[in-house]
């Protein structure tokens, strides 16, 4: 199964694509989609949409796994990131692919065995689980790979609990 993990963002959206066959896991590609201030709000959203759609088509993904958004303070940032998440969901939906969403705690638990693991622990385990030479950078890409790994480790009927509806 080819899984596209997404760490939603507006200025920076992290992505990670893994191949999960049985107990074998490998990273196919990971990185970030960056939108700069030189673009208008609609242009930035279009760039995110087009890039996510192209990744999904190029790698012929089977499922997409999103990290759930969490914001405490800045509502303006939350709205922008929510818009970025929305166009990523739209890109996947228009391809007719199933989407799932996991909380940061669920991702940490699936990747490290500890739902309260710190960022460095998660990054080290992503590196180990995918057999990478180094910790994936930037952090947004590592987070997206973590979401994909979490989805790969979630199977059976309980996977349906995480479908984005």
Protein backbone atom coordinates (compact mmCIF):
# COMPACT_ATOMS: atom_id res chain seq x y z
CA UNK A 1 0.00 0.00 0.00
CA UNK A 2 1.31 3.46 -0.90
CA UNK A 3 0.46 6.05 1.76
CA UNK A 4 0.76 9.82 1.48
CA UNK A 5 1.24 11.40 4.90
CA UNK A 6 0.40 15.09 5.21
CA UNK A 7 1.34 17.57 7.92
CA UNK A 8 -1.11 20.35 6.99
CA UNK A 9 0.13 23.87 6.57
CA UNK A 10 -0.33 27.06 4.62
CA UNK A 11 3.17 28.53 4.37
CA UNK A 12 4.70 25.04 4.64
CA UNK A 13 2.91 21.73 4.11
CA UNK A 14 4.91 18.61 4.93
CA UNK A 15 4.49 15.43 2.95
CA UNK A 16 5.87 11.92 3.16
CA UNK A 17 5.14 9.00 0.88
CA UNK A 18 5.80 5.48 2.11
CA UNK A 19 5.43 2.01 0.67
CA UNK A 20 3.99 -0.33 3.31
CA UNK A 21 3.98 -3.96 2.18
CA UNK A 22 3.33 -6.34 5.03
CA UNK A 23 6.03 -5.63 7.60
CA UNK A 24 8.27 -3.90 5.07
CA UNK A 25 8.28 -0.10 5.19
CA UNK A 26 10.20 2.27 2.94
CA UNK A 27 10.16 5.98 2.18
CA UNK A 28 9.55 6.82 -1.47
CA UNK A 29 9.76 10.60 -1.11
CA UNK A 30 9.37 13.28 1.50
CA UNK A 31 9.69 17.03 1.72
CA UNK A 32 7.72 20.23 1.96
CA UNK A 33 5.54 22.35 -0.27
CA UNK A 34 6.36 25.97 0.44
CA UNK A 35 4.23 28.96 -0.47
CA UNK A 36 5.80 32.38 -0.13
CA UNK A 37 4.48 35.81 0.72
CA UNK A 38 4.96 36.83 -2.90
CA UNK A 39 1.80 34.88 -3.76
CA UNK A 40 -1.75 35.95 -2.97
CA UNK A 41 -3.90 33.84 -0.64
CA UNK A 42 -5.74 32.12 -3.54
CA UNK A 43 -2.46 31.51 -5.41
CA UNK A 44 -0.93 29.89 -2.34
CA UNK A 45 -3.92 27.58 -1.96
CA UNK A 46 -3.79 26.70 -5.65
CA UNK A 47 -0.09 25.85 -5.33
CA UNK A 48 -0.79 23.53 -2.38
CA UNK A 49 -3.72 21.89 -4.18
CA UNK A 50 -1.75 21.30 -7.39
CA UNK A 51 1.31 19.94 -5.61
CA UNK A 52 -0.65 17.50 -3.40
CA UNK A 53 -2.67 16.30 -6.38
CA UNK A 54 0.48 15.79 -8.46
CA UNK A 55 2.20 13.81 -5.67
CA UNK A 56 -0.86 11.58 -5.27
CA UNK A 57 -1.06 10.91 -9.00
CA UNK A 58 2.68 10.45 -9.55
CA UNK A 59 3.05 7.90 -6.74
CA UNK A 60 -0.36 6.32 -7.32
CA UNK A 61 -1.18 6.49 -3.64
CA UNK A 62 -3.75 4.20 -2.09
CA UNK A 63 -4.53 6.20 1.07
CA UNK A 64 -3.76 9.62 2.55
CA UNK A 65 -3.10 10.15 6.26
CA UNK A 66 -3.36 13.64 7.77
CA UNK A 67 -2.04 14.87 11.08
CA UNK A 68 -4.92 16.53 12.90
CA UNK A 69 -4.63 20.29 13.42
CA UNK A 70 -4.06 21.67 16.90
CA UNK A 71 -4.09 25.38 17.73
CA UNK A 72 -4.27 27.20 21.02
CA UNK A 73 -3.79 30.88 20.37
CA UNK A 74 -3.57 32.45 16.94
CA UNK A 75 -6.92 32.18 15.18
CA UNK A 76 -5.66 33.88 11.99
CA UNK A 77 -2.97 31.22 11.61
CA UNK A 78 -5.50 28.49 12.36
CA UNK A 79 -7.76 29.75 9.58
CA UNK A 80 -4.91 29.82 7.05
CA UNK A 81 -3.65 26.37 8.01
CA UNK A 82 -7.23 25.08 7.90
CA UNK A 83 -7.54 26.43 4.36
CA UNK A 84 -4.32 24.61 3.40
CA UNK A 85 -5.68 21.41 4.93
CA UNK A 86 -8.93 21.91 3.04
CA UNK A 87 -7.34 22.16 -0.39
CA UNK A 88 -5.17 19.10 0.35
CA UNK A 89 -8.33 17.18 1.28
CA UNK A 90 -10.01 18.42 -1.90
CA UNK A 91 -7.08 17.25 -4.03
CA UNK A 92 -7.27 13.75 -2.54
CA UNK A 93 -11.09 13.65 -2.65
CA UNK A 94 -11.18 14.53 -6.34
CA UNK A 95 -8.95 11.53 -7.02
CA UNK A 96 -11.45 9.33 -5.17
CA UNK A 97 -8.92 8.20 -2.56
CA UNK A 98 -9.66 7.40 1.09
CA UNK A 99 -8.37 9.84 3.71
CA UNK A 100 -7.67 9.33 7.38
CA UNK A 101 -6.74 11.67 10.22
CA UNK A 102 -4.73 11.00 13.37
CA UNK A 103 -3.98 13.16 16.39
CA UNK A 104 -0.37 14.01 17.23
CA UNK A 105 -0.67 11.73 20.28
CA UNK A 106 -1.87 8.79 18.15
CA UNK A 107 1.01 9.32 15.73
CA UNK A 108 3.57 9.48 18.56
CA UNK A 109 2.14 6.30 20.09
CA UNK A 110 2.19 4.43 16.77
CA UNK A 111 5.73 5.51 15.90
CA UNK A 112 7.46 5.37 19.32
CA UNK A 113 5.16 3.42 21.61
CA UNK A 114 4.79 6.55 23.76
CA UNK A 115 1.97 9.01 23.10
CA UNK A 116 3.92 11.73 24.91
CA UNK A 117 7.22 11.28 23.06
CA UNK A 118 9.08 14.44 22.14
CA UNK A 119 9.76 15.53 18.56
CA UNK A 120 13.33 14.16 18.56
CA UNK A 121 12.18 10.70 19.68
CA UNK A 122 9.59 10.62 16.90
CA UNK A 123 12.14 11.74 14.30
CA UNK A 124 14.66 9.09 15.39
CA UNK A 125 12.03 6.35 15.17
CA UNK A 126 10.86 7.55 11.75
CA UNK A 127 14.49 7.26 10.61
CA UNK A 128 14.85 3.76 12.08
CA UNK A 129 11.47 2.40 10.91
CA UNK A 130 12.03 3.59 7.34
CA UNK A 131 15.73 2.64 7.21
CA UNK A 132 16.80 6.19 6.36
CA UNK A 133 20.42 7.33 6.53
CA UNK A 134 19.53 10.46 8.46
CA UNK A 135 16.62 12.08 10.27
CA UNK A 136 14.22 13.51 7.68
CA UNK A 137 14.26 17.29 7.47
CA UNK A 138 12.56 19.65 7.80
CA UNK A 139 10.38 18.77 10.79
CA UNK A 140 7.20 19.07 8.69
CA UNK A 141 8.39 16.25 6.42
CA UNK A 142 9.25 14.05 9.41
CA UNK A 143 5.79 14.72 10.87
CA UNK A 144 4.15 13.75 7.58
CA UNK A 145 6.15 10.51 7.46
CA UNK A 146 4.99 9.87 11.03
CA UNK A 147 1.36 10.25 9.94
CA UNK A 148 1.93 7.77 7.11
CA UNK A 149 3.61 5.30 9.49
CA UNK A 150 0.74 5.66 11.96
CA UNK A 151 -1.70 4.78 9.20
CA UNK A 152 0.41 1.80 8.12
CA UNK A 153 0.27 0.52 11.71
CA UNK A 154 -3.51 0.97 11.97
CA UNK A 155 -5.38 -1.90 10.40
CA UNK A 156 -8.60 -3.83 10.47
CA UNK A 157 -12.01 -2.43 11.37
CA UNK A 158 -10.56 0.16 13.76
CA UNK A 159 -9.00 1.97 10.76
CA UNK A 160 -12.52 3.12 9.86
CA UNK A 161 -12.61 5.18 13.07
CA UNK A 162 -10.07 7.55 11.51
CA UNK A 163 -11.70 8.17 8.11
CA UNK A 164 -12.19 11.84 7.31
CA UNK A 165 -15.95 12.11 6.80
